[in-house]
């Protein structure tokens, strides 16, 4: 299956990423579960975590030559950013 390429990524509070795909979809990806894997341990450093950027071609995101995530991982395991789909003037409140 082809997944939409990534247009932009932004680190947001609580070790989450706001990922905008070329399709216009916006998803939030929680990176905290990755901390259980040794390869992703450096992401616990908030300064390093915020250096995330889109890989060339939009096929994933990268922090350095060793730490990256694919567009499919972000698409499948990210959740829809409710603020990007809410009607203008409406406010989403968690229960």
N, C-alpha and C. Protein backbone atom coordinates (compact mmCIF):
# COMPACT_ATOMS: atom_id res chain seq x y z
N UNK A 1 0.84 -1.18 0.00
CA UNK A 1 0.00 0.00 0.00
C UNK A 1 0.88 1.25 0.00
N UNK A 2 0.47 2.23 -0.76
CA UNK A 2 1.18 3.50 -0.76
C UNK A 2 0.61 4.40 0.32
N UNK A 3 1.49 5.04 1.06
CA UNK A 3 1.08 5.97 2.11
C UNK A 3 1.41 7.38 1.66
N UNK A 4 0.63 8.36 2.11
CA UNK A 4 0.92 9.74 1.72
C UNK A 4 2.31 10.16 2.21
N UNK A 5 2.99 10.92 1.42
CA UNK A 5 4.30 11.45 1.82
C UNK A 5 4.10 12.56 2.84
N UNK A 6 5.15 12.86 3.55
CA UNK A 6 5.10 13.84 4.62
C UNK A 6 5.47 15.22 4.09
N UNK A 7 4.67 16.19 4.45
CA UNK A 7 4.92 17.58 4.06
C UNK A 7 5.72 18.31 5.14
N UNK A 8 5.30 18.13 6.41
CA UNK A 8 6.01 18.79 7.50
C UNK A 8 5.83 18.02 8.80
N UNK A 9 6.72 18.25 9.73
CA UNK A 9 6.64 17.63 11.05
C UNK A 9 7.07 18.67 12.08
N UNK A 10 6.42 18.63 13.23
CA UNK A 10 6.76 19.55 14.31
C UNK A 10 6.69 18.79 15.63
N UNK A 11 7.73 18.94 16.45
CA UNK A 11 7.72 18.38 17.79
C UNK A 11 6.80 19.23 18.66
N UNK A 12 5.89 18.56 19.38
CA UNK A 12 4.97 19.27 20.26
C UNK A 12 5.15 18.69 21.67
N UNK A 13 4.57 19.31 22.68
CA UNK A 13 4.79 18.85 24.06
C UNK A 13 4.44 17.37 24.28
N UNK A 14 5.05 16.83 25.32
CA UNK A 14 4.82 15.46 25.77
C UNK A 14 5.36 14.43 24.77
N UNK A 15 6.44 14.77 24.10
CA UNK A 15 7.12 13.88 23.15
C UNK A 15 6.19 13.37 22.05
N UNK A 16 5.42 14.28 21.51
CA UNK A 16 4.54 13.95 20.40
C UNK A 16 4.96 14.74 19.17
N UNK A 17 4.56 14.25 18.01
CA UNK A 17 4.85 14.91 16.75
C UNK A 17 3.54 15.25 16.06
N UNK A 18 3.50 16.42 15.46
CA UNK A 18 2.37 16.80 14.61
C UNK A 18 2.86 16.66 13.17
N UNK A 19 2.28 15.70 12.46
CA UNK A 19 2.75 15.35 11.12
C UNK A 19 1.70 15.77 10.10
N UNK A 20 2.09 16.58 9.13
CA UNK A 20 1.21 17.00 8.05
C UNK A 20 1.64 16.23 6.80
N UNK A 21 0.68 15.52 6.20
CA UNK A 21 0.95 14.75 5.00
C UNK A 21 0.56 15.55 3.76
N UNK A 22 1.14 15.21 2.62
CA UNK A 22 0.83 15.91 1.37
C UNK A 22 -0.64 15.79 1.00
N UNK A 23 -1.32 14.77 1.51
CA UNK A 23 -2.75 14.57 1.26
C UNK A 23 -3.60 15.60 1.99
N UNK A 24 -2.98 16.34 2.93
CA UNK A 24 -3.71 17.31 3.75
C UNK A 24 -4.08 16.76 5.11
N UNK A 25 -3.94 15.46 5.30
CA UNK A 25 -4.23 14.85 6.60
C UNK A 25 -3.18 15.28 7.62
N UNK A 26 -3.64 15.43 8.85
CA UNK A 26 -2.76 15.79 9.95
C UNK A 26 -2.91 14.74 11.04
N UNK A 27 -1.80 14.19 11.49
CA UNK A 27 -1.84 13.18 12.54
C UNK A 27 -0.87 13.53 13.65
N UNK A 28 -1.21 13.06 14.85
CA UNK A 28 -0.35 13.20 16.02
C UNK A 28 0.25 11.82 16.29
N UNK A 29 1.54 11.80 16.50
CA UNK A 29 2.24 10.55 16.76
C UNK A 29 2.92 10.66 18.12
N UNK A 30 2.62 9.73 19.01
CA UNK A 30 3.19 9.71 20.35
C UNK A 30 4.49 8.90 20.32
N UNK A 31 5.60 9.54 20.61
CA UNK A 31 6.90 8.87 20.55
C UNK A 31 7.28 8.16 21.85
N UNK A 32 6.56 8.38 22.94
CA UNK A 32 6.95 7.79 24.22
C UNK A 32 7.08 6.26 24.18
N UNK A 33 6.19 5.52 23.49
CA UNK A 33 6.38 4.06 23.43
C UNK A 33 7.71 3.64 22.78
N UNK A 34 8.27 4.49 21.96
CA UNK A 34 9.56 4.17 21.32
C UNK A 34 10.70 4.12 22.32
N UNK A 35 10.56 4.81 23.45
CA UNK A 35 11.64 4.89 24.43
C UNK A 35 12.01 3.52 25.00
N UNK A 36 11.13 2.54 24.85
CA UNK A 36 11.41 1.19 25.34
C UNK A 36 12.48 0.50 24.49
N UNK A 37 12.72 1.00 23.29
CA UNK A 37 13.72 0.42 22.40
C UNK A 37 15.01 1.23 22.50
N UNK A 38 16.11 0.55 22.67
CA UNK A 38 17.41 1.21 22.84
C UNK A 38 17.73 2.21 21.74
N UNK A 39 17.38 1.88 20.51
CA UNK A 39 17.72 2.74 19.37
C UNK A 39 17.09 4.13 19.49
N UNK A 40 15.95 4.22 20.19
CA UNK A 40 15.24 5.50 20.30
C UNK A 40 15.48 6.22 21.62
N UNK A 41 16.32 5.65 22.48
CA UNK A 41 16.59 6.26 23.79
C UNK A 41 17.04 7.72 23.70
N UNK A 42 17.88 8.09 22.72
CA UNK A 42 18.31 9.50 22.64
C UNK A 42 17.16 10.50 22.50
N UNK A 43 15.99 10.05 22.04
CA UNK A 43 14.86 10.97 21.88
C UNK A 43 14.34 11.48 23.22
N UNK A 44 14.73 10.85 24.32
CA UNK A 44 14.32 11.33 25.64
C UNK A 44 14.91 12.72 25.94
N UNK A 45 15.99 13.05 25.25
CA UNK A 45 16.57 14.38 25.38
C UNK A 45 15.69 15.33 24.59
N UNK A 46 14.97 16.20 25.31
CA UNK A 46 13.98 17.06 24.66
C UNK A 46 14.59 17.97 23.60
N UNK A 47 15.78 18.47 23.85
CA UNK A 47 16.44 19.33 22.86
C UNK A 47 16.70 18.57 21.57
N UNK A 48 17.18 17.35 21.68
CA UNK A 48 17.42 16.51 20.51
C UNK A 48 16.10 16.14 19.83
N UNK A 49 15.08 15.81 20.63
CA UNK A 49 13.77 15.45 20.10
C UNK A 49 13.22 16.54 19.19
N UNK A 50 13.42 17.79 19.57
CA UNK A 50 12.88 18.92 18.81
C UNK A 50 13.62 19.16 17.49
N UNK A 51 14.70 18.45 17.23
CA UNK A 51 15.45 18.65 15.98
C UNK A 51 14.87 17.84 14.82
N UNK A 52 13.75 17.19 15.02
CA UNK A 52 13.14 16.35 13.99
C UNK A 52 12.89 17.14 12.70
N UNK A 53 13.07 16.46 11.57
CA UNK A 53 12.79 17.08 10.28
C UNK A 53 12.32 16.02 9.29
N UNK A 54 11.73 16.47 8.20
CA UNK A 54 11.25 15.57 7.16
C UNK A 54 12.44 15.09 6.34
N UNK A 55 12.48 13.79 6.08
CA UNK A 55 13.52 13.21 5.25
C UNK A 55 13.31 13.65 3.79
N UNK A 56 14.35 13.64 3.02
CA UNK A 56 14.27 14.03 1.61
C UNK A 56 13.23 13.17 0.91
N UNK A 57 12.32 13.81 0.20
CA UNK A 57 11.28 13.10 -0.54
C UNK A 57 10.01 12.85 0.26
N UNK A 58 10.03 13.11 1.58
CA UNK A 58 8.84 12.93 2.40
C UNK A 58 8.54 11.49 2.76
N UNK A 59 9.54 10.61 2.64
CA UNK A 59 9.33 9.20 2.92
C UNK A 59 9.44 8.85 4.40
N UNK A 60 9.73 9.82 5.21
CA UNK A 60 9.86 9.59 6.65
C UNK A 60 10.34 10.85 7.33
N UNK A 61 10.67 10.69 8.61
CA UNK A 61 11.23 11.79 9.39
C UNK A 61 12.54 11.31 9.99
N UNK A 62 13.42 12.25 10.28
CA UNK A 62 14.73 11.88 10.81
C UNK A 62 15.14 12.83 11.93
N UNK A 63 15.99 12.30 12.79
CA UNK A 63 16.65 13.13 13.79
C UNK A 63 18.14 13.17 13.47
N UNK A 64 18.69 12.03 13.07
CA UNK A 64 20.09 11.96 12.66
C UNK A 64 20.24 10.75 11.73
N UNK A 65 21.47 10.37 11.44
CA UNK A 65 21.70 9.26 10.51
C UNK A 65 21.24 7.90 11.05
N UNK A 66 20.97 7.83 12.36
CA UNK A 66 20.62 6.55 12.95
C UNK A 66 19.17 6.46 13.43
N UNK A 67 18.51 7.58 13.62
CA UNK A 67 17.16 7.56 14.17
C UNK A 67 16.18 8.16 13.17
N UNK A 68 15.23 7.34 12.75
CA UNK A 68 14.23 7.81 11.80
C UNK A 68 12.95 6.99 11.94
N UNK A 69 11.88 7.47 11.34
CA UNK A 69 10.60 6.77 11.28
C UNK A 69 10.04 6.92 9.87
N UNK A 70 9.40 5.87 9.38
CA UNK A 70 8.85 5.91 8.03
C UNK A 70 7.49 6.58 7.99
N UNK A 71 7.08 6.99 6.80
CA UNK A 71 5.76 7.60 6.64
C UNK A 71 4.67 6.59 6.98
N UNK A 72 4.88 5.31 6.70
CA UNK A 72 3.86 4.31 7.02
C UNK A 72 3.67 4.15 8.53
N UNK A 73 4.75 4.17 9.29
CA UNK A 73 4.65 4.10 10.75
C UNK A 73 3.84 5.28 11.30
N UNK A 74 4.14 6.47 10.82
CA UNK A 74 3.44 7.66 11.29
C UNK A 74 1.98 7.65 10.87
N UNK A 75 1.71 7.18 9.65
CA UNK A 75 0.34 7.13 9.12
C UNK A 75 -0.51 6.10 9.89
N UNK A 76 0.03 4.91 10.05
CA UNK A 76 -0.72 3.81 10.68
C UNK A 76 -0.92 4.05 12.17
N UNK A 77 0.12 4.48 12.87
CA UNK A 77 0.06 4.58 14.33
C UNK A 77 -0.18 5.98 14.86
N UNK A 78 -0.28 6.95 13.96
CA UNK A 78 -0.65 8.29 14.39
C UNK A 78 -2.16 8.37 14.51
N UNK A 79 -2.63 9.35 15.26
CA UNK A 79 -4.07 9.55 15.36
C UNK A 79 -4.44 10.91 14.79
N UNK A 80 -5.66 11.02 14.33
CA UNK A 80 -6.11 12.25 13.67
C UNK A 80 -6.06 13.40 14.66
N UNK A 81 -5.50 14.51 14.21
CA UNK A 81 -5.45 15.73 15.02
C UNK A 81 -6.82 16.38 14.95
N UNK A 82 -7.60 16.23 16.02
CA UNK A 82 -8.98 16.72 16.04
C UNK A 82 -9.04 18.22 15.79
N UNK A 83 -8.02 18.95 16.17
CA UNK A 83 -8.05 20.41 15.97
C UNK A 83 -7.96 20.76 14.49
N UNK A 84 -7.45 19.85 13.67
CA UNK A 84 -7.33 20.14 12.25
C UNK A 84 -8.61 19.83 11.48
N UNK A 85 -9.56 19.12 12.11
CA UNK A 85 -10.79 18.76 11.42
C UNK A 85 -12.03 19.39 12.06
N UNK A 86 -11.86 20.08 13.18
CA UNK A 86 -13.00 20.69 13.86
C UNK A 86 -13.56 21.85 13.05
N UNK A 87 -14.84 22.03 13.13
CA UNK A 87 -15.48 23.17 12.47
C UNK A 87 -14.93 24.46 13.06
N UNK A 88 -14.72 25.48 12.24
CA UNK A 88 -14.27 26.76 12.78
C UNK A 88 -15.25 27.25 13.85
N UNK A 89 -14.70 27.73 14.93
CA UNK A 89 -15.52 28.27 16.01
C UNK A 89 -15.96 27.21 17.02
N UNK A 90 -15.65 25.92 16.75
CA UNK A 90 -15.99 24.90 17.72
C UNK A 90 -14.76 24.58 18.54
N UNK A 91 -15.00 24.09 19.73
CA UNK A 91 -13.89 23.79 20.61
C UNK A 91 -14.00 22.34 21.06
N UNK A 92 -12.91 21.61 20.97
CA UNK A 92 -12.89 20.22 21.40
C UNK A 92 -12.47 20.20 22.85
N UNK A 93 -13.25 19.52 23.68
CA UNK A 93 -12.90 19.37 25.10
C UNK A 93 -12.88 17.90 25.44
N UNK A 94 -11.75 17.46 25.97
CA UNK A 94 -11.62 16.07 26.40
C UNK A 94 -12.46 15.86 27.67
N UNK A 95 -13.05 14.68 27.77
CA UNK A 95 -13.84 14.37 28.97
C UNK A 95 -12.96 13.88 30.08
